[in-house]
Amino acid sequence: MAENKTKPSDRDVIEFLNTVEHDGRREDAIKLMDIMTEASGFAPRVWGDQMVGFGNYDYTYNSGHSGTWFRTGFAPRKANMVVYIMPGFKPFEHHLKTLGKHKHSKSCLYLGRLKNIDQEVLEQLVHDSVQWMNEKYPFK
């Protein structure tokens, strides 16, 4: 079985976020780190070289592939801020209706600037998704 290439690192989170080129995206990334720290109850960690994750869990697919991943996280990409909601959005559709300007796929929430969304709704979405993950993947 192939091992996950993306793992938590010891890199300083603020140091990483300060490398984000666009001033507005960098400012939003630091604010999002604070929002997600509060909402998740976990300290941020750099995962790989482009993501910030909060908490972790172990999973095993039916295929036998297993690994460790973060319970929630984000990546300050060039085009968007990507927030990872690991359970997907089906259980949280009510949050999306009042969130503001966004796009989403199965587990990725694509945001422009944080000023274009309701940050309290985002915080509640992250909190609720982490609670869902904590129930499905209890701590060992």
C-alpha atoms as a PDB file:
ATOM      1  CA  MET A   1       0.000   0.000   0.000  1.00  0.00           C
ATOM      2  CA  ALA A   2       1.216   3.467  -0.829  1.00  0.00           C
ATOM      3  CA  GLU A   3       1.836   5.760   2.103  1.00  0.00           C
ATOM      4  CA  ASN A   4       0.348   9.270   2.278  1.00  0.00           C
ATOM      5  CA  LYS A   5       2.859  11.830   1.034  1.00  0.00           C
ATOM      6  CA  THR A   6       1.149  14.683   2.905  1.00  0.00           C
ATOM      7  CA  LYS A   7       1.952  14.512   6.604  1.00  0.00           C
ATOM      8  CA  PRO A   8       2.114  16.965   9.484  1.00  0.00           C
ATOM      9  CA  SER A   9       5.408  18.813   9.729  1.00  0.00           C
ATOM     10  CA  ASP A  10       7.199  20.783  12.405  1.00  0.00           C
ATOM     11  CA  ARG A  11       7.239  23.929  10.260  1.00  0.00           C
ATOM     12  CA  ASP A  12       6.031  27.045  12.067  1.00  0.00           C
ATOM     13  CA  VAL A  13       2.468  27.860  10.946  1.00  0.00           C
ATOM     14  CA  ILE A  14       2.892  31.654  11.053  1.00  0.00           C
ATOM     15  CA  GLU A  15       6.156  31.358   9.135  1.00  0.00           C
ATOM     16  CA  PHE A  16       4.318  29.344   6.473  1.00  0.00           C
ATOM     17  CA  LEU A  17       1.378  31.758   6.304  1.00  0.00           C
ATOM     18  CA  ASN A  18       3.752  34.708   5.966  1.00  0.00           C
ATOM     19  CA  THR A  19       4.971  33.171   2.694  1.00  0.00           C
ATOM     20  CA  VAL A  20       1.548  33.676   1.075  1.00  0.00           C
ATOM     21  CA  GLU A  21       2.296  36.231  -1.643  1.00  0.00           C
ATOM     22  CA  HIS A  22      -0.980  38.131  -1.948  1.00  0.00           C
ATOM     23  CA  ASP A  23      -1.415  40.533   0.994  1.00  0.00           C
ATOM     24  CA  GLY A  24      -5.183  39.990   1.274  1.00  0.00           C
ATOM     25  CA  ARG A  25      -4.908  36.205   1.048  1.00  0.00           C
ATOM     26  CA  ARG A  26      -2.139  36.215   3.689  1.00  0.00           C
ATOM     27  CA  GLU A  27      -4.255  38.397   6.002  1.00  0.00           C
ATOM     28  CA  ASP A  28      -7.257  36.109   5.472  1.00  0.00           C
ATOM     29  CA  ALA A  29      -5.140  32.985   6.078  1.00  0.00           C
ATOM     30  CA  ILE A  30      -4.015  34.276   9.467  1.00  0.00           C
ATOM     31  CA  LYS A  31      -7.590  35.226  10.393  1.00  0.00           C
ATOM     32  CA  LEU A  32      -8.851  31.824   9.173  1.00  0.00           C
ATOM     33  CA  MET A  33      -6.224  30.091  11.313  1.00  0.00           C
ATOM     34  CA  ASP A  34      -7.636  31.902  14.352  1.00  0.00           C
ATOM     35  CA  ILE A  35     -11.250  31.086  13.399  1.00  0.00           C
ATOM     36  CA  MET A  36     -10.469  27.410  12.834  1.00  0.00           C
ATOM     37  CA  THR A  37      -8.392  27.104  16.007  1.00  0.00           C
ATOM     38  CA  GLU A  38     -11.324  28.437  18.021  1.00  0.00           C
ATOM     39  CA  ALA A  39     -13.956  26.398  16.163  1.00  0.00           C
ATOM     40  CA  SER A  40     -12.064  23.104  16.138  1.00  0.00           C
ATOM     41  CA  GLY A  41     -10.391  23.217  19.544  1.00  0.00           C
ATOM     42  CA  PHE A  42      -7.137  22.030  17.949  1.00  0.00           C
ATOM     43  CA  ALA A  43      -3.847  23.809  17.401  1.00  0.00           C
ATOM     44  CA  PRO A  44      -2.858  24.410  13.773  1.00  0.00           C
ATOM     45  CA  ARG A  45      -0.090  22.390  12.112  1.00  0.00           C
ATOM     46  CA  VAL A  46       1.404  22.654   8.662  1.00  0.00           C
ATOM     47  CA  TRP A  47       0.644  19.539   6.625  1.00  0.00           C
ATOM     48  CA  GLY A  48       2.847  18.881   3.627  1.00  0.00           C
ATOM     49  CA  ASP A  49       4.033  22.186   2.273  1.00  0.00           C
ATOM     50  CA  GLN A  50       0.731  23.907   1.456  1.00  0.00           C
ATOM     51  CA  MET A  51      -1.957  23.087   4.035  1.00  0.00           C
ATOM     52  CA  VAL A  52      -2.794  23.906   7.630  1.00  0.00           C
ATOM     53  CA  GLY A  53      -4.595  21.128   9.480  1.00  0.00           C
ATOM     54  CA  PHE A  54      -6.354  20.913  12.839  1.00  0.00           C
ATOM     55  CA  GLY A  55      -6.457  17.665  14.771  1.00  0.00           C
ATOM     56  CA  ASN A  56      -6.088  14.309  13.060  1.00  0.00           C
ATOM     57  CA  TYR A  57      -7.737  10.946  12.736  1.00  0.00           C
ATOM     58  CA  ASP A  58      -6.846   7.495  11.469  1.00  0.00           C
ATOM     59  CA  TYR A  59      -8.905   5.952   8.696  1.00  0.00           C
ATOM     60  CA  THR A  60      -9.052   2.650   6.831  1.00  0.00           C
ATOM     61  CA  TYR A  61     -10.860   2.269   3.514  1.00  0.00           C
ATOM     62  CA  ASN A  62     -12.587  -0.953   2.440  1.00  0.00           C
ATOM     63  CA  SER A  63      -9.643  -1.469   0.063  1.00  0.00           C
ATOM     64  CA  GLY A  64      -7.372  -1.752   3.095  1.00  0.00           C
ATOM     65  CA  HIS A  65      -5.628   1.572   2.457  1.00  0.00           C
ATOM     66  CA  SER A  66      -5.165   3.404   5.726  1.00  0.00           C
ATOM     67  CA  GLY A  67      -3.616   6.605   6.894  1.00  0.00           C
ATOM     68  CA  THR A  68      -3.831   9.683   9.049  1.00  0.00           C
ATOM     69  CA  TRP A  69      -5.394  12.984   7.994  1.00  0.00           C
ATOM     70  CA  PHE A  70      -6.522  16.227   9.613  1.00  0.00           C
ATOM     71  CA  ARG A  71     -10.070  16.639  10.951  1.00  0.00           C
ATOM     72  CA  THR A  72     -10.383  20.022   9.240  1.00  0.00           C
ATOM     73  CA  GLY A  73      -7.981  22.379   7.567  1.00  0.00           C
ATOM     74  CA  PHE A  74      -7.335  24.950   4.881  1.00  0.00           C
ATOM     75  CA  ALA A  75      -4.953  25.875   2.111  1.00  0.00           C
ATOM     76  CA  PRO A  76      -4.269  29.425   0.964  1.00  0.00           C
ATOM     77  CA  ARG A  77      -4.160  28.745  -2.776  1.00  0.00           C
ATOM     78  CA  LYS A  78      -3.459  31.323  -5.436  1.00  0.00           C
ATOM     79  CA  ALA A  79      -7.038  31.430  -6.776  1.00  0.00           C
ATOM     80  CA  ASN A  80      -9.033  30.705  -3.598  1.00  0.00           C
ATOM     81  CA  MET A  81      -8.840  29.917   0.051  1.00  0.00           C
ATOM     82  CA  VAL A  82      -9.749  26.236   0.289  1.00  0.00           C
ATOM     83  CA  VAL A  83     -11.348  25.020   3.526  1.00  0.00           C
ATOM     84  CA  TYR A  84     -11.516  21.253   4.020  1.00  0.00           C
ATOM     85  CA  ILE A  85     -14.740  19.990   5.618  1.00  0.00           C
ATOM     86  CA  MET A  86     -13.944  16.300   5.865  1.00  0.00           C
ATOM     87  CA  PRO A  87     -17.476  14.894   6.303  1.00  0.00           C
ATOM     88  CA  GLY A  88     -18.589  16.740   3.170  1.00  0.00           C
ATOM     89  CA  PHE A  89     -21.448  19.232   3.103  1.00  0.00           C
ATOM     90  CA  LYS A  90     -24.593  17.100   3.123  1.00  0.00           C
ATOM     91  CA  PRO A  91     -24.983  17.300   6.936  1.00  0.00           C
ATOM     92  CA  PHE A  92     -24.290  21.047   6.856  1.00  0.00           C
ATOM     93  CA  GLU A  93     -26.273  22.381   3.901  1.00  0.00           C
ATOM     94  CA  HIS A  94     -28.130  24.793   6.185  1.00  0.00           C
ATOM     95  CA  HIS A  95     -24.826  26.592   6.873  1.00  0.00           C
ATOM     96  CA  LEU A  96     -24.079  26.979   3.179  1.00  0.00           C
ATOM     97  CA  LYS A  97     -27.361  28.820   2.607  1.00  0.00           C
ATOM     98  CA  THR A  98     -26.284  31.687   4.880  1.00  0.00           C
ATOM     99  CA  LEU A  99     -22.508  31.562   4.442  1.00  0.00           C
ATOM    100  CA  GLY A 100     -22.201  34.081   1.633  1.00  0.00           C
ATOM    101  CA  LYS A 101     -20.156  33.996  -1.563  1.00  0.00           C
ATOM    102  CA  HIS A 102     -18.549  30.582  -2.018  1.00  0.00           C
ATOM    103  CA  LYS A 103     -18.307  27.465  -4.164  1.00  0.00           C
ATOM    104  CA  HIS A 104     -17.895  23.922  -2.938  1.00  0.00           C
ATOM    105  CA  SER A 105     -17.189  20.397  -4.081  1.00  0.00           C
ATOM    106  CA  LYS A 106     -17.437  17.183  -2.082  1.00  0.00           C
ATOM    107  CA  SER A 107     -15.264  18.253   0.873  1.00  0.00           C
ATOM    108  CA  CYS A 108     -13.726  21.523  -0.319  1.00  0.00           C
ATOM    109  CA  LEU A 109     -15.138  24.974   0.334  1.00  0.00           C
ATOM    110  CA  TYR A 110     -13.700  27.587  -2.030  1.00  0.00           C
ATOM    111  CA  LEU A 111     -13.672  31.128  -0.672  1.00  0.00           C
ATOM    112  CA  GLY A 112     -12.499  34.396  -2.106  1.00  0.00           C
ATOM    113  CA  ARG A 113     -11.974  37.043   0.563  1.00  0.00           C
ATOM    114  CA  LEU A 114     -13.315  36.405   4.072  1.00  0.00           C
ATOM    115  CA  LYS A 115     -15.045  39.791   3.983  1.00  0.00           C
ATOM    116  CA  ASN A 116     -17.481  38.265   1.447  1.00  0.00           C
ATOM    117  CA  ILE A 117     -18.805  35.615   3.833  1.00  0.00           C
ATOM    118  CA  ASP A 118     -20.421  35.455   7.244  1.00  0.00           C
ATOM    119  CA  GLN A 119     -17.446  34.451   9.368  1.00  0.00           C
ATOM    120  CA  GLU A 120     -19.645  33.354  12.272  1.00  0.00           C
ATOM    121  CA  VAL A 121     -21.396  30.890   9.953  1.00  0.00           C
ATOM    122  CA  LEU A 122     -18.004  29.615   8.785  1.00  0.00           C
ATOM    123  CA  GLU A 123     -16.917  29.163  12.394  1.00  0.00           C
ATOM    124  CA  GLN A 124     -20.102  27.215  13.172  1.00  0.00           C
ATOM    125  CA  LEU A 125     -19.643  25.075  10.035  1.00  0.00           C
ATOM    126  CA  VAL A 126     -16.095  24.177  11.064  1.00  0.00           C
ATOM    127  CA  HIS A 127     -17.181  23.493  14.650  1.00  0.00           C
ATOM    128  CA  ASP A 128     -20.076  21.256  13.575  1.00  0.00           C
ATOM    129  CA  SER A 129     -17.952  19.333  11.066  1.00  0.00           C
ATOM    130  CA  VAL A 130     -15.259  18.675  13.684  1.00  0.00           C
ATOM    131  CA  GLN A 131     -17.922  17.486  16.140  1.00  0.00           C
ATOM    132  CA  TRP A 132     -19.168  15.111  13.428  1.00  0.00           C
ATOM    133  CA  MET A 133     -15.611  13.847  12.890  1.00  0.00           C
ATOM    134  CA  ASN A 134     -15.084  13.431  16.638  1.00  0.00           C
ATOM    135  CA  GLU A 135     -18.174  11.214  16.830  1.00  0.00           C
ATOM    136  CA  LYS A 136     -17.252   9.126  13.776  1.00  0.00           C
ATOM    137  CA  TYR A 137     -13.562   8.902  14.660  1.00  0.00           C
ATOM    138  CA  PRO A 138     -13.315   9.013  18.460  1.00  0.00           C
ATOM    139  CA  PHE A 139      -9.943   9.684  20.043  1.00  0.00           C
ATOM    140  CA  LYS A 140      -7.971   6.619  21.042  1.00  0.00           C
END
